[in-house]
Amino acid sequence: MPGRKEKPTRDPLVLVATAPNEPVASMWAGILENEGIRSVIRAQELTAAMYIPSGFAPCRVFVLSSQADKAKEVLKPFLEDE
């Protein structure tokens, strides 16, 4: 139906991974997107972001809780070294 708004979800965001930097977090977000999983990237600490260039600061990757298990499975090959 045209013009119909989607009903807001009450599915909270959950942390699925912490990337060593923003480029890696962006790569992981792209991999998740290819699997149909939308994600949000946030700097690990706001204080650190003030002193460390964004390309070098750790970033957290969040997804909806209903997609967390699938996201962790998709990212598992990239997280095994941690």
PDB file of N, CA and C in Angstrom:
ATOM      1  N   MET A   1       0.836  -1.167   0.000  1.00  0.00           N
ATOM      2  CA  MET A   1       0.000   0.000   0.000  1.00  0.00           C
ATOM      3  C   MET A   1       0.893   1.246   0.000  1.00  0.00           C
ATOM      4  N   PRO A   2       0.786   2.112  -1.002  1.00  0.00           N
ATOM      5  CA  PRO A   2       1.643   3.293  -1.075  1.00  0.00           C
ATOM      6  C   PRO A   2       1.432   4.234   0.100  1.00  0.00           C
ATOM      7  N   GLY A   3       2.547   4.830   0.539  1.00  0.00           N
ATOM      8  CA  GLY A   3       2.478   5.791   1.632  1.00  0.00           C
ATOM      9  C   GLY A   3       2.323   5.180   3.009  1.00  0.00           C
ATOM     10  N   ARG A   4       2.292   3.874   3.080  1.00  0.00           N
ATOM     11  CA  ARG A   4       2.129   3.197   4.369  1.00  0.00           C
ATOM     12  C   ARG A   4       3.456   3.198   5.115  1.00  0.00           C
ATOM     13  N   LYS A   5       3.438   3.620   6.342  1.00  0.00           N
ATOM     14  CA  LYS A   5       4.647   3.642   7.164  1.00  0.00           C
ATOM     15  C   LYS A   5       4.842   2.294   7.824  1.00  0.00           C
ATOM     16  N   GLU A   6       6.122   1.926   7.945  1.00  0.00           N
ATOM     17  CA  GLU A   6       6.430   0.692   8.661  1.00  0.00           C
ATOM     18  C   GLU A   6       6.227   0.909  10.146  1.00  0.00           C
ATOM     19  N   LYS A   7       5.753  -0.116  10.808  1.00  0.00           N
ATOM     20  CA  LYS A   7       5.565  -0.060  12.245  1.00  0.00           C
ATOM     21  C   LYS A   7       6.934  -0.104  12.927  1.00  0.00           C
ATOM     22  N   PRO A   8       7.195   0.822  13.855  1.00  0.00           N
ATOM     23  CA  PRO A   8       8.499   0.812  14.538  1.00  0.00           C
ATOM     24  C   PRO A   8       8.702  -0.496  15.290  1.00  0.00           C
ATOM     25  N   THR A   9       9.941  -0.941  15.298  1.00  0.00           N
ATOM     26  CA  THR A   9      10.255  -2.195  15.979  1.00  0.00           C
ATOM     27  C   THR A   9      10.716  -1.914  17.415  1.00  0.00           C
ATOM     28  N   ARG A  10      10.469  -2.850  18.281  1.00  0.00           N
ATOM     29  CA  ARG A  10      10.930  -2.754  19.658  1.00  0.00           C
ATOM     30  C   ARG A  10      12.118  -3.691  19.862  1.00  0.00           C
ATOM     31  N   ASP A  11      12.692  -4.124  18.762  1.00  0.00           N
ATOM     32  CA  ASP A  11      13.839  -5.023  18.780  1.00  0.00           C
ATOM     33  C   ASP A  11      15.086  -4.194  19.092  1.00  0.00           C
ATOM     34  N   PRO A  12      15.690  -4.350  20.257  1.00  0.00           N
ATOM     35  CA  PRO A  12      16.837  -3.502  20.635  1.00  0.00           C
ATOM     36  C   PRO A  12      18.105  -3.856  19.851  1.00  0.00           C
ATOM     37  N   LEU A  13      19.014  -2.903  19.790  1.00  0.00           N
ATOM     38  CA  LEU A  13      20.321  -3.141  19.199  1.00  0.00           C
ATOM     39  C   LEU A  13      21.206  -3.860  20.212  1.00  0.00           C
ATOM     40  N   VAL A  14      22.014  -4.790  19.712  1.00  0.00           N
ATOM     41  CA  VAL A  14      22.950  -5.511  20.570  1.00  0.00           C
ATOM     42  C   VAL A  14      24.325  -5.516  19.913  1.00  0.00           C
ATOM     43  N   LEU A  15      25.347  -5.536  20.733  1.00  0.00           N
ATOM     44  CA  LEU A  15      26.726  -5.571  20.263  1.00  0.00           C
ATOM     45  C   LEU A  15      27.056  -6.975  19.762  1.00  0.00           C
ATOM     46  N   VAL A  16      27.587  -7.058  18.535  1.00  0.00           N
ATOM     47  CA  VAL A  16      27.974  -8.372  18.014  1.00  0.00           C
ATOM     48  C   VAL A  16      29.482  -8.488  17.795  1.00  0.00           C
ATOM     49  N   ALA A  17      30.171  -7.344  17.682  1.00  0.00           N
ATOM     50  CA  ALA A  17      31.622  -7.403  17.458  1.00  0.00           C
ATOM     51  C   ALA A  17      32.249  -6.046  17.739  1.00  0.00           C
ATOM     52  N   THR A  18      33.529  -6.082  18.057  1.00  0.00           N
ATOM     53  CA  THR A  18      34.313  -4.859  18.185  1.00  0.00           C
ATOM     54  C   THR A  18      35.455  -4.956  17.184  1.00  0.00           C
ATOM     55  N   ALA A  19      35.466  -4.014  16.255  1.00  0.00           N
ATOM     56  CA  ALA A  19      36.495  -3.979  15.216  1.00  0.00           C
ATOM     57  C   ALA A  19      37.682  -3.155  15.702  1.00  0.00           C
ATOM     58  N   PRO A  20      38.875  -3.454  15.215  1.00  0.00           N
ATOM     59  CA  PRO A  20      40.054  -2.709  15.658  1.00  0.00           C
ATOM     60  C   PRO A  20      40.081  -1.260  15.170  1.00  0.00           C
ATOM     61  N   ASN A  21      39.319  -0.979  14.095  1.00  0.00           N
ATOM     62  CA  ASN A  21      39.278   0.378  13.555  1.00  0.00           C
ATOM     63  C   ASN A  21      38.059   0.554  12.645  1.00  0.00           C
ATOM     64  N   GLU A  22      37.828   1.787  12.204  1.00  0.00           N
ATOM     65  CA  GLU A  22      36.648   2.099  11.401  1.00  0.00           C
ATOM     66  C   GLU A  22      36.635   1.409  10.029  1.00  0.00           C
ATOM     67  N   PRO A  23      37.764   1.332   9.320  1.00  0.00           N
ATOM     68  CA  PRO A  23      37.718   0.625   8.033  1.00  0.00           C
ATOM     69  C   PRO A  23      37.305  -0.845   8.165  1.00  0.00           C
ATOM     70  N   VAL A  24      37.799  -1.516   9.185  1.00  0.00           N
ATOM     71  CA  VAL A  24      37.414  -2.922   9.397  1.00  0.00           C
ATOM     72  C   VAL A  24      35.937  -3.005   9.772  1.00  0.00           C
ATOM     73  N   ALA A  25      35.477  -2.111  10.636  1.00  0.00           N
ATOM     74  CA  ALA A  25      34.062  -2.098  11.017  1.00  0.00           C
ATOM     75  C   ALA A  25      33.178  -1.869   9.791  1.00  0.00           C
ATOM     76  N   SER A  26      33.594  -0.984   8.909  1.00  0.00           N
ATOM     77  CA  SER A  26      32.825  -0.717   7.683  1.00  0.00           C
ATOM     78  C   SER A  26      32.800  -1.945   6.770  1.00  0.00           C
ATOM     79  N   MET A  27      33.928  -2.647   6.698  1.00  0.00           N
ATOM     80  CA  MET A  27      33.971  -3.870   5.900  1.00  0.00           C
ATOM     81  C   MET A  27      32.993  -4.906   6.470  1.00  0.00           C
ATOM     82  N   TRP A  28      33.033  -5.075   7.803  1.00  0.00           N
ATOM     83  CA  TRP A  28      32.117  -6.027   8.432  1.00  0.00           C
ATOM     84  C   TRP A  28      30.665  -5.628   8.201  1.00  0.00           C
ATOM     85  N   ALA A  29      30.366  -4.331   8.285  1.00  0.00           N
ATOM     86  CA  ALA A  29      28.999  -3.852   8.044  1.00  0.00           C
ATOM     87  C   ALA A  29      28.566  -4.193   6.619  1.00  0.00           C
ATOM     88  N   GLY A  30      29.479  -4.068   5.666  1.00  0.00           N
ATOM     89  CA  GLY A  30      29.170  -4.424   4.284  1.00  0.00           C
ATOM     90  C   GLY A  30      28.904  -5.911   4.118  1.00  0.00           C
ATOM     91  N   ILE A  31      29.684  -6.727   4.807  1.00  0.00           N
ATOM     92  CA  ILE A  31      29.476  -8.182   4.763  1.00  0.00           C
ATOM     93  C   ILE A  31      28.109  -8.520   5.344  1.00  0.00           C
ATOM     94  N   LEU A  32      27.772  -7.903   6.470  1.00  0.00           N
ATOM     95  CA  LEU A  32      26.462  -8.142   7.084  1.00  0.00           C
ATOM     96  C   LEU A  32      25.341  -7.691   6.145  1.00  0.00           C
ATOM     97  N   GLU A  33      25.513  -6.529   5.525  1.00  0.00           N
ATOM     98  CA  GLU A  33      24.498  -6.004   4.598  1.00  0.00           C
ATOM     99  C   GLU A  33      24.260  -6.985   3.449  1.00  0.00           C
ATOM    100  N   ASN A  34      25.335  -7.595   2.943  1.00  0.00           N
ATOM    101  CA  ASN A  34      25.198  -8.590   1.872  1.00  0.00           C
ATOM    102  C   ASN A  34      24.388  -9.799   2.310  1.00  0.00           C
ATOM    103  N   GLU A  35      24.341 -10.040   3.613  1.00  0.00           N
ATOM    104  CA  GLU A  35      23.564 -11.149   4.170  1.00  0.00           C
ATOM    105  C   GLU A  35      22.164 -10.700   4.612  1.00  0.00           C
ATOM    106  N   GLY A  36      21.830  -9.444   4.330  1.00  0.00           N
ATOM    107  CA  GLY A  36      20.505  -8.923   4.688  1.00  0.00           C
ATOM    108  C   GLY A  36      20.397  -8.446   6.126  1.00  0.00           C
ATOM    109  N   ILE A  37      21.540  -8.182   6.758  1.00  0.00           N
ATOM    110  CA  ILE A  37      21.556  -7.746   8.157  1.00  0.00           C
ATOM    111  C   ILE A  37      22.022  -6.294   8.207  1.00  0.00           C
ATOM    112  N   ARG A  38      21.156  -5.419   8.654  1.00  0.00           N
ATOM    113  CA  ARG A  38      21.529  -4.015   8.818  1.00  0.00           C
ATOM    114  C   ARG A  38      22.294  -3.844  10.122  1.00  0.00           C
ATOM    115  N   SER A  39      23.275  -2.949  10.110  1.00  0.00           N
ATOM    116  CA  SER A  39      24.089  -2.755  11.306  1.00  0.00           C
ATOM    117  C   SER A  39      24.339  -1.274  11.550  1.00  0.00           C
ATOM    118  N   VAL A  40      24.827  -0.998  12.761  1.00  0.00           N
ATOM    119  CA  VAL A  40      25.186   0.358  13.175  1.00  0.00           C
ATOM    120  C   VAL A  40      26.602   0.286  13.727  1.00  0.00           C
ATOM    121  N   ILE A  41      27.441   1.237  13.330  1.00  0.00           N
ATOM    122  CA  ILE A  41      28.823   1.299  13.805  1.00  0.00           C
ATOM    123  C   ILE A  41      28.949   2.502  14.732  1.00  0.00           C
ATOM    124  N   ARG A  42      29.559   2.285  15.872  1.00  0.00           N
ATOM    125  CA  ARG A  42      29.795   3.367  16.837  1.00  0.00           C
ATOM    126  C   ARG A  42      31.226   3.274  17.351  1.00  0.00           C
ATOM    127  N   ALA A  43      31.850   4.428  17.580  1.00  0.00           N
ATOM    128  CA  ALA A  43      33.178   4.444  18.187  1.00  0.00           C
ATOM    129  C   ALA A  43      33.082   3.804  19.562  1.00  0.00           C
ATOM    130  N   GLN A  44      34.109   3.066  19.943  1.00  0.00           N
ATOM    131  CA  GLN A  44      34.066   2.357  21.222  1.00  0.00           C
ATOM    132  C   GLN A  44      33.938   3.321  22.382  1.00  0.00           C
ATOM    133  N   GLU A  45      34.728   4.382  22.369  1.00  0.00           N
ATOM    134  CA  GLU A  45      34.659   5.366  23.448  1.00  0.00           C
ATOM    135  C   GLU A  45      34.708   6.757  22.849  1.00  0.00           C
ATOM    136  N   LEU A  46      33.806   7.594  23.259  1.00  0.00           N
ATOM    137  CA  LEU A  46      33.779   8.959  22.755  1.00  0.00           C
ATOM    138  C   LEU A  46      35.055   9.706  23.123  1.00  0.00           C
ATOM    139  N   THR A  47      35.571   9.480  24.314  1.00  0.00           N
ATOM    140  CA  THR A  47      36.791  10.147  24.752  1.00  0.00           C
ATOM    141  C   THR A  47      37.949   9.770  23.841  1.00  0.00           C
ATOM    142  N   ALA A  48      38.061   8.500  23.517  1.00  0.00           N
ATOM    143  CA  ALA A  48      39.138   8.048  22.637  1.00  0.00           C
ATOM    144  C   ALA A  48      39.005   8.678  21.260  1.00  0.00           C
ATOM    145  N   ALA A  49      37.778   8.829  20.790  1.00  0.00           N
ATOM    146  CA  ALA A  49      37.545   9.403  19.460  1.00  0.00           C
ATOM    147  C   ALA A  49      38.047  10.841  19.369  1.00  0.00           C
ATOM    148  N   MET A  50      38.132  11.528  20.488  1.00  0.00           N
ATOM    149  CA  MET A  50      38.608  12.908  20.483  1.00  0.00           C
ATOM    150  C   MET A  50      40.126  12.963  20.284  1.00  0.00           C
ATOM    151  N   TYR A  51      40.838  11.908  20.639  1.00  0.00           N
ATOM    152  CA  TYR A  51      42.298  11.917  20.602  1.00  0.00           C
ATOM    153  C   TYR A  51      42.897  10.992  19.547  1.00  0.00           C
ATOM    154  N   ILE A  52      42.107  10.052  19.067  1.00  0.00           N
ATOM    155  CA  ILE A  52      42.600   9.088  18.087  1.00  0.00           C
ATOM    156  C   ILE A  52      41.855   9.313  16.780  1.00  0.00           C
ATOM    157  N   PRO A  53      42.568   9.428  15.653  1.00  0.00           N
ATOM    158  CA  PRO A  53      41.870   9.579  14.375  1.00  0.00           C
ATOM    159  C   PRO A  53      40.891   8.420  14.157  1.00  0.00           C
ATOM    160  N   SER A  54      39.734   8.715  13.570  1.00  0.00           N
ATOM    161  CA  SER A  54      38.668   7.718  13.448  1.00  0.00           C
ATOM    162  C   SER A  54      39.101   6.439  12.743  1.00  0.00           C
ATOM    163  N   GLY A  55      40.066   6.538  11.853  1.00  0.00           N
ATOM    164  CA  GLY A  55      40.527   5.347  11.153  1.00  0.00           C
ATOM    165  C   GLY A  55      41.304   4.381  12.023  1.00  0.00           C
ATOM    166  N   PHE A  56      41.686   4.821  13.224  1.00  0.00           N
ATOM    167  CA  PHE A  56      42.504   3.987  14.096  1.00  0.00           C
ATOM    168  C   PHE A  56      41.821   3.618  15.415  1.00  0.00           C
ATOM    169  N   ALA A  57      40.677   4.193  15.691  1.00  0.00           N
ATOM    170  CA  ALA A  57      39.973   3.930  16.952  1.00  0.00           C
ATOM    171  C   ALA A  57      39.102   2.678  16.832  1.00  0.00           C
ATOM    172  N   PRO A  58      39.049   1.850  17.873  1.00  0.00           N
ATOM    173  CA  PRO A  58      38.158   0.688  17.851  1.00  0.00           C
ATOM    174  C   PRO A  58      36.702   1.122  17.681  1.00  0.00           C
ATOM    175  N   CYS A  59      35.940   0.289  16.963  1.00  0.00           N
ATOM    176  CA  CYS A  59      34.519   0.569  16.717  1.00  0.00           C
ATOM    177  C   CYS A  59      33.689  -0.663  17.061  1.00  0.00           C
ATOM    178  N   ARG A  60      32.507  -0.404  17.579  1.00  0.00           N
ATOM    179  CA  ARG A  60      31.584  -1.491  17.917  1.00  0.00           C
ATOM    180  C   ARG A  60      30.545  -1.618  16.814  1.00  0.00           C
ATOM    181  N   VAL A  61      30.165  -2.858  16.526  1.00  0.00           N
ATOM    182  CA  VAL A  61      29.170  -3.151  15.496  1.00  0.00           C
ATOM    183  C   VAL A  61      27.928  -3.708  16.193  1.00  0.00           C
ATOM    184  N   PHE A  62      26.806  -3.045  15.978  1.00  0.00           N
ATOM    185  CA  PHE A  62      25.533  -3.430  16.586  1.00  0.00           C
ATOM    186  C   PHE A  62      24.553  -3.882  15.511  1.00  0.00           C
ATOM    187  N   VAL A  63      23.686  -4.835  15.854  1.00  0.00           N
ATOM    188  CA  VAL A  63      22.587  -5.263  14.989  1.00  0.00           C
ATOM    189  C   VAL A  63      21.341  -5.442  15.863  1.00  0.00           C
ATOM    190  N   LEU A  64      20.201  -5.616  15.228  1.00  0.00           N
ATOM    191  CA  LEU A  64      18.983  -5.904  15.984  1.00  0.00           C
ATOM    192  C   LEU A  64      19.151  -7.237  16.699  1.00  0.00           C
ATOM    193  N   SER A  65      18.616  -7.336  17.885  1.00  0.00           N
ATOM    194  CA  SER A  65      18.787  -8.558  18.682  1.00  0.00           C
ATOM    195  C   SER A  65      18.253  -9.795  17.955  1.00  0.00           C
ATOM    196  N   SER A  66      17.215  -9.621  17.151  1.00  0.00           N
ATOM    197  CA  SER A  66      16.654 -10.761  16.418  1.00  0.00           C
ATOM    198  C   SER A  66      17.598 -11.275  15.335  1.00  0.00           C
ATOM    199  N   GLN A  67      18.608 -10.472  14.955  1.00  0.00           N
ATOM    200  CA  GLN A  67      19.561 -10.884  13.922  1.00  0.00           C
ATOM    201  C   GLN A  67      20.962 -11.133  14.489  1.00  0.00           C
ATOM    202  N   ALA A  68      21.114 -11.046  15.789  1.00  0.00           N
ATOM    203  CA  ALA A  68      22.433 -11.151  16.414  1.00  0.00           C
ATOM    204  C   ALA A  68      23.097 -12.507  16.177  1.00  0.00           C
ATOM    205  N   ASP A  69      22.362 -13.587  16.344  1.00  0.00           N
ATOM    206  CA  ASP A  69      22.966 -14.909  16.159  1.00  0.00           C
ATOM    207  C   ASP A  69      23.470 -15.092  14.736  1.00  0.00           C
ATOM    208  N   LYS A  70      22.667 -14.687  13.763  1.00  0.00           N
ATOM    209  CA  LYS A  70      23.062 -14.800  12.360  1.00  0.00           C
ATOM    210  C   LYS A  70      24.279 -13.908  12.091  1.00  0.00           C
ATOM    211  N   ALA A  71      24.281 -12.690  12.634  1.00  0.00           N
ATOM    212  CA  ALA A  71      25.404 -11.766  12.428  1.00  0.00           C
ATOM    213  C   ALA A  71      26.695 -12.333  13.011  1.00  0.00           C
ATOM    214  N   LYS A  72      26.619 -12.904  14.194  1.00  0.00           N
ATOM    215  CA  LYS A  72      27.810 -13.491  14.816  1.00  0.00           C
ATOM    216  C   LYS A  72      28.340 -14.655  13.981  1.00  0.00           C
ATOM    217  N   GLU A  73      27.435 -15.435  13.423  1.00  0.00           N
ATOM    218  CA  GLU A  73      27.839 -16.559  12.578  1.00  0.00           C
ATOM    219  C   GLU A  73      28.525 -16.059  11.308  1.00  0.00           C
ATOM    220  N   VAL A  74      27.971 -15.011  10.699  1.00  0.00           N
ATOM    221  CA  VAL A  74      28.557 -14.433   9.486  1.00  0.00           C
ATOM    222  C   VAL A  74      29.945 -13.861   9.771  1.00  0.00           C
ATOM    223  N   LEU A  75      30.109 -13.203  10.915  1.00  0.00           N
ATOM    224  CA  LEU A  75      31.389 -12.563  11.250  1.00  0.00           C
ATOM    225  C   LEU A  75      32.389 -13.508  11.913  1.00  0.00           C
ATOM    226  N   LYS A  76      31.955 -14.709  12.256  1.00  0.00           N
ATOM    227  CA  LYS A  76      32.812 -15.650  12.988  1.00  0.00           C
ATOM    228  C   LYS A  76      34.196 -15.849  12.355  1.00  0.00           C
ATOM    229  N   PRO A  77      34.314 -16.006  11.035  1.00  0.00           N
ATOM    230  CA  PRO A  77      35.652 -16.189  10.458  1.00  0.00           C
ATOM    231  C   PRO A  77      36.587 -14.992  10.693  1.00  0.00           C
ATOM    232  N   PHE A  78      36.024 -13.812  10.869  1.00  0.00           N
ATOM    233  CA  PHE A  78      36.830 -12.616  11.069  1.00  0.00           C
ATOM    234  C   PHE A  78      37.173 -12.394  12.535  1.00  0.00           C
ATOM    235  N   LEU A  79      36.476 -13.082  13.436  1.00  0.00           N
ATOM    236  CA  LEU A  79      36.646 -12.873  14.875  1.00  0.00           C
ATOM    237  C   LEU A  79      37.421 -13.996  15.558  1.00  0.00           C
ATOM    238  N   GLU A  80      37.780 -15.052  14.831  1.00  0.00           N
ATOM    239  CA  GLU A  80      38.410 -16.203  15.451  1.00  0.00           C
ATOM    240  C   GLU A  80      39.763 -15.898  16.059  1.00  0.00           C
ATOM    241  N   ASP A  81      40.450 -14.876  15.571  1.00  0.00           N
ATOM    242  CA  ASP A  81      41.765 -14.527  16.108  1.00  0.00           C
ATOM    243  C   ASP A  81      41.681 -13.792  17.431  1.00  0.00           C
ATOM    244  N   GLU A  82      40.495 -13.300  17.784  1.00  0.00           N
ATOM    245  CA  GLU A  82      40.339 -12.513  19.015  1.00  0.00           C
ATOM    246  C   GLU A  82      40.259 -13.409  20.229  1.00  0.00           C
TER     247      GLU A  82
END
